């Protein structure tokens, strides 16, 4: 039995969500050509599991608490189901997912380095801060700068690993602090390495974010241009009806807005480059143009020399044939 006193507030929302999910699942199932393949697909199984708990509670409202706990756990799959639908209809969500997938390998390698640094840091800080071992209490004790003794917080490498994690992540709760010069030096290095790890991870995600977003913009522009050229293809425009002409006009107006936004984006990027960036581009462009002109000039010179050689060879050939003809005439005479 549901014991939540606020159930009347969330029940209508729950019914609405389950109804939408149920209608979608049943409709897709009935429309699927191969219903068995549809039913065993992972996402379709997830959709089914996300709506089952609601109907189980309706069928057996007086079920035991263990059964209710299990059905509540199954309800969590509804979150994944909702995320799937968001990703299906949201380009931004798909781009973000691709960014994470592109960055996953490098981030994993970065995590390997992090684990190595954490382990080394924990081992060194353990030996530097553990102090002296007391056989009666079976614990390590260290001496503070004021001369008092306290139980060392670095009782093992695992205790030290907790300190290394909080230090590397720049959290620094302050519940465990080193007191020896070596320990302070290790703490400083661990903090610096944590900053470097965060910077490297952020740069990896940032670079892949720019690449993936640029790829998405290029794809979107390509699709928009393709639709635009289809819209302005007027080879059969005389045979179109009035409604079709109106539709083409609407598409053209939409594409005009996209092109206008694209031009504004290009202008914004040029402004971000600044004067130096634009001038650098123009200088490179001028250098390439000069090289092209020089190449054309060299090609023209070579063609001129080739024509000279061809003319010379033609003259030699004519002279040879003319001399040969004269000799033949003398022999005949």
Protein backbone atom coordinates (compact mmCIF):
# COMPACT_ATOMS: atom_id res chain seq x y z
CA UNK A 1 0.00 0.00 0.00
CA UNK A 2 1.35 3.41 -0.90
CA UNK A 3 2.20 5.29 2.28
CA UNK A 4 3.32 8.57 0.80
CA UNK A 5 1.09 11.37 2.14
CA UNK A 6 1.78 13.49 -0.95
CA UNK A 7 0.61 10.80 -3.36
CA UNK A 8 -2.42 12.87 -4.39
CA UNK A 9 -0.08 15.58 -5.68
CA UNK A 10 1.99 13.32 -7.94
CA UNK A 11 -0.60 10.72 -8.94
CA UNK A 12 -2.13 12.72 -11.86
CA UNK A 13 1.32 13.44 -13.23
CA UNK A 14 2.28 9.78 -12.86
CA UNK A 15 -0.88 8.65 -14.64
CA UNK A 16 -0.26 11.12 -17.49
CA UNK A 17 3.34 10.00 -18.04
CA UNK A 18 2.49 6.29 -17.91
CA UNK A 19 -0.44 6.80 -20.28
CA UNK A 20 1.76 8.55 -22.85
CA UNK A 21 4.46 5.88 -22.57
CA UNK A 22 1.87 3.11 -22.84
CA UNK A 23 0.18 4.56 -25.92
CA UNK A 24 3.54 5.02 -27.62
CA UNK A 25 4.72 1.50 -26.80
CA UNK A 26 1.47 -0.17 -27.87
CA UNK A 27 1.29 1.89 -31.07
CA UNK A 28 4.88 1.09 -32.04
CA UNK A 29 4.34 -2.57 -31.20
CA UNK A 30 1.23 -2.83 -33.38
CA UNK A 31 2.93 -1.00 -36.26
CA UNK A 32 6.13 -3.06 -36.11
CA UNK A 33 6.45 -5.56 -39.01
CA UNK A 34 8.35 -8.01 -36.81
CA UNK A 35 6.86 -7.82 -33.34
CA UNK A 36 9.33 -10.27 -31.77
CA UNK A 37 12.35 -8.24 -32.88
CA UNK A 38 10.63 -5.10 -31.65
CA UNK A 39 9.95 -6.63 -28.24
CA UNK A 40 13.53 -7.80 -27.60
CA UNK A 41 15.26 -4.56 -28.53
CA UNK A 42 17.01 -3.06 -25.46
CA UNK A 43 15.29 0.34 -25.57
CA UNK A 44 11.90 -1.25 -26.13
CA UNK A 45 12.46 -3.54 -23.15
CA UNK A 46 13.41 -0.47 -21.16
CA UNK A 47 10.19 1.23 -22.21
CA UNK A 48 8.17 -1.79 -21.11
CA UNK A 49 9.97 -2.07 -17.77
CA UNK A 50 9.37 1.62 -17.07
CA UNK A 51 5.57 1.26 -17.26
CA UNK A 52 5.16 -2.16 -15.59
CA UNK A 53 5.45 -0.92 -11.94
CA UNK A 54 2.44 1.35 -12.28
CA UNK A 55 0.19 -1.48 -13.43
CA UNK A 56 1.60 -3.87 -10.83
CA UNK A 57 0.55 -1.50 -8.07
CA UNK A 58 -2.92 -1.22 -9.58
CA UNK A 59 -3.30 -5.00 -9.82
CA UNK A 60 -1.97 -5.68 -6.30
CA UNK A 61 -2.32 -2.52 -4.18
CA UNK A 62 -1.82 -4.48 -0.94
CA UNK A 63 1.47 -6.04 -1.91
CA UNK A 64 4.27 -6.41 0.60
CA UNK A 65 6.85 -3.68 1.14
CA UNK A 66 9.60 -5.71 -0.55
CA UNK A 67 7.55 -5.92 -3.73
CA UNK A 68 6.83 -2.20 -3.61
CA UNK A 69 10.51 -1.43 -3.16
CA UNK A 70 11.31 -3.51 -6.22
CA UNK A 71 8.67 -1.73 -8.31
CA UNK A 72 9.98 1.65 -7.14
CA UNK A 73 13.44 0.67 -8.29
CA UNK A 74 12.00 -0.25 -11.68
CA UNK A 75 10.46 3.20 -11.83
CA UNK A 76 13.94 4.67 -12.05
CA UNK A 77 14.16 3.29 -15.59
CA UNK A 78 11.59 5.91 -16.50
CA UNK A 79 14.32 8.53 -16.11
CA UNK A 80 16.49 6.71 -18.66
CA UNK A 81 13.45 6.37 -20.87
CA UNK A 82 12.83 10.11 -20.69
CA UNK A 83 16.48 10.87 -21.48
CA UNK A 84 16.23 8.61 -24.52
CA UNK A 85 13.26 10.60 -25.80
CA UNK A 86 15.02 13.89 -25.13
CA UNK A 87 18.03 12.65 -27.11
CA UNK A 88 15.81 11.48 -29.94
CA UNK A 89 14.29 14.91 -30.52
CA UNK A 90 17.05 17.23 -29.25
CA UNK A 91 20.06 18.00 -31.43
CA UNK A 92 21.89 19.56 -28.51
CA UNK A 93 21.57 16.41 -26.45
CA UNK A 94 22.90 14.30 -29.33
CA UNK A 95 25.83 16.67 -29.81
CA UNK A 96 26.64 16.53 -26.08
CA UNK A 97 26.48 12.72 -26.16
CA UNK A 98 28.86 12.61 -29.12
CA UNK A 99 31.24 14.96 -27.31
CA UNK A 100 31.37 12.64 -24.31
CA UNK A 101 31.89 9.60 -26.55
CA UNK A 102 34.70 11.34 -28.46
CA UNK A 103 36.37 12.37 -25.21
CA UNK A 104 35.89 9.05 -23.40
CA UNK A 105 39.15 7.39 -24.53
CA UNK A 106 41.35 10.36 -23.65
CA UNK A 107 39.52 10.91 -20.39
CA UNK A 108 40.02 7.23 -19.54
CA UNK A 109 43.77 7.54 -20.17
CA UNK A 110 43.75 10.67 -18.05
CA UNK A 111 42.04 8.74 -15.24
CA UNK A 112 44.77 6.10 -15.42
CA UNK A 113 47.38 8.80 -14.80
CA UNK A 114 45.22 10.15 -11.97
CA UNK A 115 45.11 6.74 -10.28
CA UNK A 116 48.89 6.44 -10.57
CA UNK A 117 49.41 9.90 -9.05
CA UNK A 118 46.90 9.20 -6.27
CA UNK A 119 48.59 5.91 -5.37
CA UNK A 120 52.09 7.39 -5.30
CA UNK A 121 50.90 10.41 -3.32
CA UNK A 122 49.07 8.23 -0.78
CA UNK A 123 52.08 5.97 -0.24
CA UNK A 124 54.55 8.84 0.24
CA UNK A 125 52.27 10.83 2.55
CA UNK A 126 51.61 7.69 4.58
CA UNK A 127 55.30 7.12 5.30
CA UNK A 128 55.92 10.83 5.87
CA UNK A 129 53.01 11.48 8.27
CA UNK A 130 52.29 8.22 10.08
CA UNK A 131 54.69 8.93 12.98
CA UNK A 132 55.60 6.21 15.48
CA UNK A 133 53.79 2.96 16.08
CA UNK A 134 52.31 2.28 19.54
CA UNK A 135 52.17 -1.45 20.21
CA UNK A 136 49.71 -1.00 23.09
CA UNK A 137 47.04 0.77 21.03
CA UNK A 138 48.09 -0.83 17.75
CA UNK A 139 48.02 2.61 16.09
CA UNK A 140 50.35 5.22 14.67
CA UNK A 141 50.98 8.44 16.63
CA UNK A 142 52.65 11.62 15.44
CA UNK A 143 54.08 14.61 17.30
CA UNK A 144 52.62 18.04 16.53
CA UNK A 145 54.81 21.17 16.25
CA UNK A 146 53.75 22.23 19.78
CA UNK A 147 55.09 18.94 21.18
CA UNK A 148 51.80 17.14 21.82
CA UNK A 149 51.15 13.67 20.48
CA UNK A 150 48.03 12.70 18.57
CA UNK A 151 46.77 9.68 16.77
CA UNK A 152 47.89 10.02 13.18
CA UNK A 153 45.08 10.33 10.64
CA UNK A 154 47.31 8.46 8.19
CA UNK A 155 46.88 5.01 9.73
CA UNK A 156 47.14 3.18 6.40
CA UNK A 157 47.58 3.77 2.71
CA UNK A 158 43.80 3.64 2.30
CA UNK A 159 43.38 6.46 4.85
CA UNK A 160 46.04 8.38 2.95
CA UNK A 161 44.23 7.72 -0.32
CA UNK A 162 41.20 9.59 1.01
CA UNK A 163 43.45 12.58 1.72
CA UNK A 164 45.02 12.34 -1.76
CA UNK A 165 41.61 12.35 -3.46
CA UNK A 166 40.32 15.36 -1.54
CA UNK A 167 43.58 17.22 -2.18
CA UNK A 168 43.85 16.41 -5.89
CA UNK A 169 40.24 17.40 -6.54
CA UNK A 170 41.03 20.75 -4.83
CA UNK A 171 38.27 20.08 -2.29
CA UNK A 172 40.51 20.18 0.77
CA UNK A 173 38.11 19.52 3.65
CA UNK A 174 40.85 20.27 6.17
CA UNK A 175 40.01 17.33 8.43
CA UNK A 176 43.40 15.76 7.61
CA UNK A 177 46.48 17.94 7.21
CA UNK A 178 50.20 17.12 6.94
CA UNK A 179 52.60 18.58 9.51
CA UNK A 180 56.03 17.43 8.31
CA UNK A 181 58.01 19.34 5.64
CA UNK A 182 57.94 16.32 3.33
CA UNK A 183 54.20 15.94 3.81
CA UNK A 184 53.61 19.62 3.03
CA UNK A 185 55.74 19.32 -0.11
CA UNK A 186 53.75 16.27 -1.26
CA UNK A 187 50.51 18.14 -0.51
CA UNK A 188 51.61 21.03 -2.72
CA UNK A 189 52.57 18.70 -5.58
CA UNK A 190 49.28 16.81 -5.27
CA UNK A 191 47.28 20.03 -5.41
CA UNK A 192 49.18 21.23 -8.48
CA UNK A 193 48.72 17.88 -10.21
CA UNK A 194 45.00 18.10 -9.49
CA UNK A 195 44.80 21.50 -11.18
CA UNK A 196 46.67 20.10 -14.19
CA UNK A 197 44.33 17.10 -14.38
CA UNK A 198 41.26 19.35 -14.33
CA UNK A 199 42.80 21.63 -16.97
CA UNK A 200 43.71 18.73 -19.27
CA UNK A 201 40.27 17.15 -18.93
CA UNK A 202 38.56 20.46 -19.60
CA UNK A 203 40.72 21.08 -22.66
CA UNK A 204 39.94 17.60 -24.03
CA UNK A 205 36.21 18.16 -23.67
CA UNK A 206 36.52 21.72 -25.00
CA UNK A 207 38.42 20.70 -28.15
CA UNK A 208 36.02 17.86 -28.90
CA UNK A 209 33.11 20.20 -28.21
CA UNK A 210 34.35 22.65 -30.84
CA UNK A 211 35.00 19.86 -33.35
CA UNK A 212 31.64 18.18 -32.83
CA UNK A 213 29.72 21.45 -32.88
CA UNK A 214 31.48 22.51 -36.09
CA UNK A 215 30.68 19.12 -37.61
CA UNK A 216 27.04 19.51 -36.59
CA UNK A 217 26.88 23.03 -38.05
CA UNK A 218 28.39 21.83 -41.34
CA UNK A 219 25.90 18.97 -41.52
CA UNK A 220 23.01 21.28 -40.69
CA UNK A 221 24.15 23.81 -43.31
CA UNK A 222 24.52 21.06 -45.90
CA UNK A 223 21.00 19.80 -45.21
CA UNK A 224 19.58 23.31 -45.31
CA UNK A 225 21.31 24.08 -48.60
CA UNK A 226 20.05 20.82 -50.05
CA UNK A 227 16.51 21.72 -49.08
CA UNK A 228 17.01 25.22 -50.44
CA UNK A 229 18.15 23.99 -53.86
CA UNK A 230 15.19 21.66 -53.99
CA UNK A 231 12.94 24.56 -53.15
CA UNK A 232 14.34 26.84 -55.86
CA UNK A 233 14.35 24.17 -58.54
CA UNK A 234 11.90 25.80 -60.94
CA UNK A 235 12.16 23.46 -63.92
CA UNK A 236 8.56 22.38 -63.34
CA UNK A 237 7.39 25.58 -61.73
CA UNK A 238 4.76 26.20 -64.43
CA UNK A 239 3.07 22.91 -63.55
CA UNK A 240 2.88 23.61 -59.80
CA UNK A 241 -0.38 24.39 -58.10
CA UNK A 242 -0.99 27.50 -56.03
CA UNK A 243 -0.57 25.61 -52.73
CA UNK A 244 2.73 24.14 -53.89
CA UNK A 245 3.98 27.58 -54.89
CA UNK A 246 3.02 28.95 -51.49
CA UNK A 247 4.86 26.08 -49.82
CA UNK A 248 7.98 26.77 -51.91
CA UNK A 249 7.79 30.43 -50.96
CA UNK A 250 7.61 29.52 -47.26
CA UNK A 251 10.62 27.23 -47.61
CA UNK A 252 12.59 29.95 -49.38
CA UNK A 253 11.75 32.45 -46.64
CA UNK A 254 12.90 29.95 -44.04
CA UNK A 255 16.13 29.27 -45.91
CA UNK A 256 16.71 33.00 -46.29
CA UNK A 257 16.56 33.31 -42.51
CA UNK A 258 19.05 30.47 -42.13
CA UNK A 259 21.45 32.07 -44.61
CA UNK A 260 21.14 35.39 -42.83
CA UNK A 261 21.97 33.73 -39.50
CA UNK A 262 24.89 31.95 -41.16
CA UNK A 263 26.29 35.23 -42.47
CA UNK A 264 25.93 36.81 -39.03
CA UNK A 265 27.76 33.85 -37.49
CA UNK A 266 30.62 34.21 -39.99
CA UNK A 267 30.84 37.92 -39.25
CA UNK A 268 30.90 37.20 -35.53
CA UNK A 269 33.74 34.72 -35.96
CA UNK A 270 35.69 37.26 -38.02
CA UNK A 271 35.16 39.83 -35.27
CA UNK A 272 36.44 37.33 -32.71
CA UNK A 273 39.56 36.87 -34.83
CA UNK A 274 40.18 40.59 -34.56
CA UNK A 275 42.13 42.80 -36.91
CA UNK A 276 45.31 40.80 -36.55
CA UNK A 277 43.57 37.53 -37.37
CA UNK A 278 41.86 38.95 -40.45
CA UNK A 279 45.07 40.62 -41.64
CA UNK A 280 46.96 37.36 -41.14
CA UNK A 281 44.42 35.59 -43.32
CA UNK A 282 44.65 38.31 -45.97
CA UNK A 283 48.46 38.20 -45.92
CA UNK A 284 48.42 34.42 -46.42
CA UNK A 285 45.87 34.83 -49.19
CA UNK A 286 48.04 37.47 -50.91
CA UNK A 287 51.12 35.27 -50.58
CA UNK A 288 49.30 32.41 -52.28
CA UNK A 289 48.06 34.74 -54.98
CA UNK A 290 51.60 36.02 -55.63
CA UNK A 291 52.89 32.45 -55.84
CA UNK A 292 50.17 31.60 -58.33
CA UNK A 293 51.07 34.61 -60.48
CA UNK A 294 54.76 33.67 -60.39
CA UNK A 295 53.93 30.11 -61.39
CA UNK A 296 51.82 31.33 -64.30
CA UNK A 297 54.65 33.60 -65.45
CA UNK A 298 57.12 30.70 -65.35
CA UNK A 299 54.68 28.55 -67.27
CA UNK A 300 54.27 31.26 -69.91
CA UNK A 301 58.05 31.54 -70.29
CA UNK A 302 58.37 27.79 -70.70
CA UNK A 303 55.62 27.78 -73.31
CA UNK A 304 57.38 30.63 -75.17
CA UNK A 305 60.70 28.78 -75.11
CA UNK A 306 58.97 25.61 -76.28
CA UNK A 307 57.48 27.48 -79.23
CA UNK A 308 60.95 28.84 -80.10
CA UNK A 309 62.40 25.33 -80.09
CA UNK A 310 59.52 24.05 -82.19
CA UNK A 311 60.07 26.87 -84.71
CA UNK A 312 63.81 26.18 -84.81
CA UNK A 313 63.24 22.47 -85.33
CA UNK A 314 60.80 23.27 -88.12
CA UNK A 315 63.35 25.51 -89.84
CA UNK A 316 66.05 22.86 -89.56
CA UNK A 317 63.72 20.26 -90.98
CA UNK A 318 62.78 22.55 -93.89
CA UNK A 319 66.44 23.36 -94.55
CA UNK A 320 67.35 19.67 -94.56
CA UNK A 321 64.56 18.76 -96.96
CA UNK A 322 65.39 21.75 -99.20
CA UNK A 323 69.07 20.71 -99.42
CA UNK A 324 68.08 17.12 -100.07
CA UNK A 325 65.78 18.17 -102.91
CA UNK A 326 68.55 20.26 -104.53
CA UNK A 327 70.95 17.30 -104.48
CA UNK A 328 68.34 15.09 -106.09
CA UNK A 329 67.76 17.63 -108.86
CA UNK A 330 71.51 17.83 -109.62
CA UNK A 331 71.68 14.04 -109.93
CA UNK A 332 68.77 14.01 -112.34
CA UNK A 333 70.36 16.71 -114.51
